[in-house]
Protein backbone atom coordinates (compact mmCIF):
# COMPACT_ATOMS: atom_id res chain seq x y z
CA MET A 1 2.78 -1.55 29.11
CA LYS A 2 3.40 -4.67 27.04
CA GLU A 3 2.38 -6.88 29.95
CA LYS A 4 -0.87 -4.95 30.38
CA ILE A 5 -1.61 -5.26 26.67
CA LEU A 6 -0.96 -9.01 26.69
CA GLU A 7 -3.25 -9.44 29.71
CA LEU A 8 -6.08 -7.62 27.90
CA LYS A 9 -5.51 -9.64 24.74
CA GLU A 10 -5.90 -12.85 26.71
CA LYS A 11 -9.34 -12.00 28.04
CA LEU A 12 -10.85 -10.09 25.08
CA PRO A 13 -12.15 -11.47 21.73
CA VAL A 14 -9.55 -9.49 19.79
CA THR A 15 -6.95 -10.18 17.14
CA LEU A 16 -4.10 -7.69 17.00
CA VAL A 17 -2.90 -6.93 13.50
CA ALA A 18 0.16 -4.88 12.47
CA HIS A 19 1.54 -3.79 9.13
CA TYR A 20 5.23 -4.36 8.38
CA TYR A 21 5.96 -0.63 8.73
CA GLN A 22 4.79 -0.39 12.35
CA ARG A 23 7.33 0.44 15.05
CA ASP A 24 9.01 -2.59 16.65
CA GLU A 25 7.30 -2.53 20.05
CA VAL A 26 3.86 -2.61 18.39
CA PHE A 27 4.81 -5.07 15.65
CA GLU A 28 6.18 -7.58 18.18
CA LEU A 29 2.79 -7.89 19.94
CA ALA A 30 0.75 -8.62 16.81
CA ASP A 31 -1.04 -11.91 16.16
CA ILE A 32 -1.00 -11.26 12.41
CA THR A 33 1.61 -9.27 10.47
CA GLY A 34 2.00 -8.58 6.78
CA ASP A 35 1.26 -6.07 4.04
CA SER A 36 -2.11 -4.41 3.51
CA LEU A 37 -4.14 -6.89 1.42
CA GLU A 38 -2.65 -9.96 3.08
CA LEU A 39 -3.74 -8.57 6.46
CA ALA A 40 -7.32 -7.92 5.28
CA ARG A 41 -7.68 -11.44 3.90
CA ARG A 42 -6.26 -13.09 7.03
CA CYS A 43 -8.54 -10.98 9.23
CA LYS A 44 -11.58 -12.29 7.36
CA ALA A 45 -10.55 -15.86 8.16
CA ASP A 46 -9.98 -15.07 11.85
CA ASP A 47 -12.53 -16.16 14.47
CA ASN A 48 -12.42 -13.21 16.89
CA GLU A 49 -15.13 -10.54 16.90
CA TRP A 50 -12.69 -7.64 17.05
CA VAL A 51 -9.76 -6.72 14.81
CA VAL A 52 -7.44 -4.16 16.36
CA PHE A 53 -5.57 -2.86 13.32
CA CYS A 54 -2.25 -1.06 13.70
CA GLY A 55 -1.70 0.64 10.38
CA VAL A 56 -3.25 3.47 8.36
CA GLY A 57 -6.89 4.27 7.68
CA PHE A 58 -7.41 2.66 4.27
CA MET A 59 -6.15 -0.66 5.67
CA GLY A 60 -8.78 -0.72 8.40
CA GLN A 61 -11.39 0.13 5.76
CA SER A 62 -10.22 -2.78 3.59
CA VAL A 63 -10.90 -5.21 6.44
CA LYS A 64 -14.40 -3.77 6.89
CA VAL A 65 -15.07 -3.99 3.14
CA ILE A 66 -13.95 -7.61 2.85
CA ALA A 67 -15.34 -8.74 6.21
CA PRO A 68 -18.27 -6.46 7.21
CA GLU A 69 -19.18 -8.79 10.06
CA LYS A 70 -15.93 -7.88 11.84
CA ARG A 71 -15.69 -4.97 14.25
CA VAL A 72 -12.53 -3.04 13.41
CA ALA A 73 -10.83 -0.65 15.80
CA MET A 74 -7.68 1.34 15.10
CA PRO A 75 -5.49 2.60 17.95
CA LYS A 76 -4.71 5.57 15.71
CA ILE A 77 -6.57 6.34 12.47
CA ALA A 78 -3.42 7.58 10.78
CA CYS A 79 -3.92 8.62 7.19
CA CYS A 80 -1.53 7.47 4.46
CA ALA A 81 -0.33 10.63 2.67
CA MET A 82 -0.63 8.95 -0.72
CA ALA A 83 -4.20 7.84 -0.05
CA ARG A 84 -5.08 11.42 0.93
CA MET A 85 -3.82 12.68 -2.43
CA ILE A 86 -6.80 11.07 -4.21
CA ASP A 87 -10.36 11.59 -3.01
CA SER A 88 -13.74 11.25 -4.67
CA ALA A 89 -13.62 14.76 -6.19
CA TYR A 90 -10.07 14.42 -7.53
CA TYR A 91 -11.01 11.08 -9.03
CA ASP A 92 -13.95 12.66 -10.86
CA GLU A 93 -11.68 15.44 -12.11
CA SER A 94 -9.24 12.88 -13.52
CA VAL A 95 -12.03 11.12 -15.43
CA ALA A 96 -13.24 14.52 -16.70
CA PHE A 97 -9.66 15.35 -17.80
CA MET A 98 -9.58 12.23 -19.97
CA GLN A 99 -13.03 12.95 -21.39
CA LYS A 100 -11.99 16.51 -22.25
CA ALA A 101 -9.03 15.04 -24.14
CA GLY A 102 -11.48 13.06 -26.28
CA ILE A 103 -11.56 9.72 -24.46
CA GLU A 104 -15.11 8.53 -23.86
CA LYS A 105 -15.98 7.43 -20.33
CA GLU A 106 -16.89 3.93 -21.53
CA ASP A 107 -13.37 3.64 -22.99
CA ILE A 108 -11.73 4.24 -19.59
CA LEU A 109 -10.83 1.38 -17.26
CA PRO A 110 -9.84 2.67 -13.81
CA ILE A 111 -7.43 0.75 -11.60
CA THR A 112 -6.69 1.92 -8.08
CA TYR A 113 -3.74 0.96 -5.96
CA ILE A 114 -4.94 -0.50 -2.66
CA ASN A 115 -3.47 2.63 -1.01
CA SER A 116 -6.73 4.53 -1.51
CA SER A 117 -9.91 5.16 0.45
CA ALA A 118 -12.98 2.94 0.32
CA GLU A 119 -14.80 5.82 -1.46
CA VAL A 120 -12.26 5.85 -4.31
CA LYS A 121 -12.32 2.05 -4.55
CA ALA A 122 -16.12 2.23 -4.80
CA LYS A 123 -15.97 4.77 -7.66
CA VAL A 124 -13.51 2.49 -9.45
CA GLY A 125 -15.78 -0.49 -8.90
CA GLU A 126 -18.82 1.34 -10.29
CA MET A 127 -16.86 2.17 -13.47
CA GLY A 128 -15.96 -1.47 -14.01
CA GLY A 129 -12.46 -1.16 -12.60
CA MET A 130 -10.28 -3.07 -10.17
CA VAL A 131 -7.94 -2.70 -7.22
CA CYS A 132 -4.30 -3.77 -7.40
CA THR A 133 -1.40 -4.19 -4.99
CA SER A 134 2.28 -3.57 -5.68
CA SER A 135 2.79 -7.33 -6.05
CA ASN A 136 0.05 -7.91 -8.64
CA ALA A 137 -0.10 -4.51 -10.42
CA TYR A 138 1.58 -5.94 -13.53
CA LYS A 139 -0.96 -8.75 -13.84
CA ILE A 140 -3.96 -6.50 -13.12
CA ILE A 141 -2.87 -3.83 -15.62
CA GLU A 142 -2.08 -6.51 -18.21
CA LYS A 143 -5.61 -7.89 -17.80
CA GLY A 144 -7.06 -4.39 -17.96
CA LEU A 145 -5.28 -3.57 -21.21
CA ALA A 146 -6.73 -6.71 -22.80
CA SER A 147 -10.08 -4.90 -22.71
CA GLY A 148 -8.77 -2.40 -25.26
CA LYS A 149 -9.52 0.52 -22.94
CA LYS A 150 -7.27 3.28 -21.64
CA ILE A 151 -6.08 2.64 -18.09
CA LEU A 152 -6.60 5.40 -15.53
CA PHE A 153 -4.23 4.44 -12.72
CA VAL A 154 -4.64 6.10 -9.31
CA PRO A 155 -3.12 7.35 -7.09
CA ASP A 156 0.58 6.37 -7.38
CA ARG A 157 2.20 7.67 -10.55
CA CYS A 158 5.45 5.80 -9.80
CA LEU A 159 3.85 2.36 -9.57
CA GLY A 160 1.85 3.03 -12.75
CA GLN A 161 4.88 4.30 -14.66
CA ASN A 162 7.13 1.48 -13.45
CA VAL A 163 4.65 -1.15 -14.60
CA ALA A 164 4.30 0.64 -17.95
CA ASN A 165 8.09 0.59 -18.35
CA MET A 166 8.22 -3.14 -17.49
CA MET A 167 5.58 -3.81 -20.14
CA GLY A 168 7.17 -1.55 -22.77
CA LEU A 169 4.11 0.73 -22.79
CA LYS A 170 3.71 4.48 -22.92
CA SER A 171 2.48 6.29 -19.83
CA CYS A 172 1.70 9.87 -18.89
CA VAL A 173 0.75 11.76 -15.74
CA VAL A 174 -2.43 13.79 -15.43
CA GLY A 175 -1.46 17.43 -15.89
CA ASP A 176 2.06 16.89 -17.28
CA GLY A 177 1.10 18.34 -20.67
CA THR A 178 1.05 14.99 -22.48
CA ASP A 179 -1.99 14.10 -24.59
CA PRO A 180 -3.55 11.11 -22.77
CA LYS A 181 -4.73 9.70 -26.09
CA ASP A 182 -1.08 8.95 -26.88
CA ALA A 183 -0.59 6.92 -23.68
CA ASP A 184 -1.63 3.39 -22.72
CA ILE A 185 -1.67 4.18 -18.98
CA ILE A 186 -2.70 7.57 -17.63
CA CYS A 187 -1.39 8.00 -14.07
CA TYR A 188 -2.74 10.26 -11.38
CA ASP A 189 -0.05 12.53 -9.89
CA GLY A 190 0.18 10.90 -6.46
CA PHE A 191 3.20 9.42 -4.73
CA CYS A 192 4.63 7.99 -1.52
CA ALA A 193 6.74 10.63 0.22
CA VAL A 194 8.87 7.98 1.94
CA HIS A 195 9.80 6.20 -1.28
CA GLN A 196 10.66 9.51 -2.94
CA LEU A 197 13.59 9.75 -0.51
CA PHE A 198 15.52 7.12 -2.47
CA THR A 199 17.59 8.58 -5.30
CA VAL A 200 19.93 7.54 -8.08
CA ASP A 201 22.72 9.27 -6.12
CA ASP A 202 22.07 6.86 -3.23
CA ILE A 203 22.50 3.92 -5.60
CA ASP A 204 25.73 5.37 -7.03
CA PHE A 205 27.05 5.92 -3.48
CA TYR A 206 26.46 2.32 -2.40
CA ARG A 207 27.78 0.81 -5.63
CA LYS A 208 30.99 2.84 -5.25
CA ARG A 209 31.40 2.04 -1.56
CA TYR A 210 30.54 -1.67 -1.84
CA PRO A 211 31.38 -3.08 -5.29
CA GLY A 212 29.05 -5.95 -6.14
CA ILE A 213 26.28 -4.81 -3.77
CA LYS A 214 22.71 -5.58 -4.79
CA ILE A 215 20.10 -2.81 -4.89
CA ALA A 216 16.49 -3.83 -4.14
CA VAL A 217 13.66 -1.27 -4.20
CA HIS A 218 9.89 -0.96 -3.93
CA PRO A 219 7.91 -0.02 -7.09
CA GLU A 220 6.67 3.15 -5.32
CA CYS A 221 10.18 4.51 -5.95
CA ASP A 222 10.83 6.89 -8.83
CA PRO A 223 11.24 5.11 -12.21
CA SER A 224 14.83 6.40 -12.49
CA VAL A 225 15.68 4.57 -9.23
CA VAL A 226 13.91 1.38 -10.30
CA ALA A 227 15.77 1.43 -13.64
CA LYS A 228 19.17 1.36 -11.87
CA SER A 229 18.22 -1.32 -9.34
CA ASP A 230 18.87 -5.06 -9.41
CA PHE A 231 15.43 -5.96 -8.09
CA CYS A 232 12.07 -4.24 -7.73
CA GLY A 233 9.23 -5.80 -5.78
CA SER A 234 6.46 -5.42 -3.24
CA THR A 235 7.06 -5.57 0.51
CA SER A 236 6.62 -9.37 0.63
CA GLN A 237 8.71 -9.80 -2.53
CA LEU A 238 11.52 -7.67 -1.08
CA ILE A 239 11.58 -9.77 2.09
CA LYS A 240 11.78 -12.98 0.03
CA TYR A 241 14.49 -11.57 -2.26
CA VAL A 242 16.72 -10.40 0.61
CA ASN A 243 16.22 -13.60 2.64
CA GLU A 244 17.25 -15.76 -0.31
CA LEU A 245 20.53 -13.89 -0.91
CA PRO A 246 23.73 -15.52 0.38
CA LYS A 247 24.52 -14.18 3.86
CA GLU A 248 27.76 -12.62 2.65
CA GLN A 249 25.99 -10.72 -0.17
CA LYS A 250 25.56 -7.04 0.62
CA VAL A 251 22.24 -5.44 -0.29
CA ALA A 252 20.82 -1.92 0.02
CA VAL A 253 17.03 -1.80 0.26
CA GLY A 254 14.85 1.09 -0.81
CA THR A 255 11.73 0.91 1.35
CA GLU A 256 10.45 1.93 4.80
CA TYR A 257 13.02 1.87 7.60
CA ASN A 258 11.15 -0.30 10.13
CA LEU A 259 10.92 -3.11 7.60
CA VAL A 260 14.53 -2.88 6.44
CA HIS A 261 16.08 -2.90 9.91
CA ARG A 262 14.11 -6.08 10.77
CA MET A 263 15.65 -7.93 7.83
CA ARG A 264 18.74 -10.10 8.29
CA ASP A 265 21.31 -8.76 10.75
CA LYS A 266 24.34 -8.33 8.52
CA ASN A 267 25.12 -6.87 5.09
CA THR A 268 21.72 -5.14 4.76
CA TYR A 269 21.61 -1.37 4.39
CA VAL A 270 18.95 1.32 4.04
CA LEU A 271 19.22 2.95 0.61
CA SER A 272 19.08 6.52 1.89
CA SER A 273 21.17 9.21 3.51
CA THR A 274 18.20 9.99 5.79
CA LYS A 275 15.95 7.71 7.86
CA PRO A 276 13.06 6.74 5.52
CA GLU A 277 10.48 6.30 8.25
CA CYS A 278 6.77 6.58 7.42
CA PRO A 279 5.43 9.24 9.82
CA THR A 280 1.83 8.04 9.73
CA MET A 281 2.68 4.36 10.21
CA ASN A 282 4.76 5.36 13.22
CA GLU A 283 1.95 7.32 14.89
CA THR A 284 0.60 4.21 16.64
CA THR A 285 2.14 3.74 20.10
CA LEU A 286 1.83 1.15 22.87
CA GLU A 287 -0.22 3.70 24.80
CA ASP A 288 -2.68 3.99 21.89
CA LEU A 289 -2.94 0.21 21.67
CA TYR A 290 -3.52 -0.16 25.41
CA ARG A 291 -6.18 2.57 25.39
CA THR A 292 -8.05 0.89 22.51
CA LEU A 293 -8.09 -2.48 24.28
CA LYS A 294 -9.42 -0.83 27.44
CA GLU A 295 -12.17 0.83 25.36
CA ILE A 296 -13.18 -2.57 23.95
CA GLU A 297 -13.25 -3.96 27.48
CA LYS A 298 -15.58 -1.13 28.58
CA GLY A 299 -17.67 -1.16 25.38
CA GLU A 300 -16.75 2.45 24.59
CA VAL A 301 -14.65 2.25 21.41
CA VAL A 302 -13.72 5.60 19.87
CA ASN A 303 -11.86 4.70 16.66
CA GLU A 304 -14.16 2.04 15.22
CA ILE A 305 -14.10 1.84 11.42
CA GLU A 306 -17.43 2.10 9.62
CA VAL A 307 -18.10 2.03 5.87
CA ASP A 308 -21.56 2.83 4.51
CA GLU A 309 -23.26 -0.02 2.65
CA ASN A 310 -23.19 1.46 -0.88
CA THR A 311 -19.50 2.31 -0.60
CA ARG A 312 -18.73 -1.10 0.85
CA LYS A 313 -20.68 -2.85 -1.93
CA TRP A 314 -18.80 -1.23 -4.82
CA ALA A 315 -15.41 -1.21 -3.10
CA LYS A 316 -15.81 -4.94 -2.52
CA VAL A 317 -16.66 -5.42 -6.20
CA ALA A 318 -13.39 -3.70 -7.15
CA LEU A 319 -11.45 -5.85 -4.69
CA GLU A 320 -13.15 -9.07 -5.77
CA ARG A 321 -12.32 -8.43 -9.44
CA MET A 322 -8.68 -8.36 -8.39
CA LEU A 323 -8.98 -11.47 -6.20
CA GLU A 324 -10.55 -13.41 -9.07
CA LEU A 325 -7.30 -12.96 -10.98
């Protein structure tokens, strides 16, 4: 199957792109690998007509928003569970919740994690807001707070709360009973199911078993886990942190399994008693990839990503506000 895929890649105007969380056999065939925003930016600079994106739906949309001239096909339009937790209607309800609490709409600055649909990004853009990634969330929120407005952060409550804790600010979650007027950052109640698998008990287990071990986690983890860790960072930051540790230094990493097991061979552990594998990221198979390439060859693509012009316009505005920083 790999040989057939490589043969098709050679004769078609395609660039194969894979997120870090993809299964090994797919990841190994990619021309470009990375995390979500990095992939979108590198796709824009690529010369091929087609981008075959192995990831989840919002990532394919991000490429189409940033580079509308590209044709984007996804072997499997898998949907990130976190991104599905916030849609256009839920976003409107969150804004209405803040207004009902006495916060005027013009005093709200929305910021959406890149793990959201193009429709949500567009709504954020229309309200003057921005997109952020896990690596730049601190900087984006810091800039947003300088406006004097209340931050509505969607959809990941953990990332929003962790940044608030790093900045010494007060946060709340929509619907938790807290008055949003008393908080600097109001977080939507979304989360990553995979990163919720990592617990304080896991950290205690590894520290007891391997004295001196380092604990490195992603900011989508619960704030209680982040607080007990030695390092918290985005996917790219975690890779850099682990790679720069002395080879003899043990480290337990709290993020998706496929990424962790591709890190250095020795003294690296998954911070979980279960296999923290993202089910949607792992939906894409070699068979799916082969089928998509054959469809491009025949001119009969099924899973081509399209974003309507108004949505693309405002989603791009939200992304460009981030990129300017």
